[in-house]
Amino acid sequence: MPIPKEFLVVAKLANWQKKIFANRNSYSKTDHDATFMRIKENHMLNGQLKPAYNLQIATSGQFINNFDIYQNPNDTRTLIPFLNKQIKNNSLGKYIVADAGY
């Protein structure tokens, strides 16, 4: 018995979505590089899931000396790659200070 066309279309779609997902838990249909993250933006300060990016910035003497954008919403998974980028760019400072999110 031949496989119905509908199953082939769904299988193709699933493979395409797996490629977009890569190692993330979600992606936006309008911006495939964005990941859904909990955003606090309304007056009640309750988190809403919206497509976003995780921006990491390094400063020294009140100047930005490095930045990077990540798809991972969790800061703990961005610290090591961000520090490695600074080492590669020779911009790692003497002291590393991070907020409680790390």
Foldseek 3Di string as FASTA:
>chain_A
DDDDPVVVVVVVVVVVVCVLCPPHDAADPVGSLWGWDFDQDDPVRGTDTDTDWDKDFDDDPNHTDDIDIHRDRQPVVVPVVRVVVCVVVVNDDPDDDDDPSD
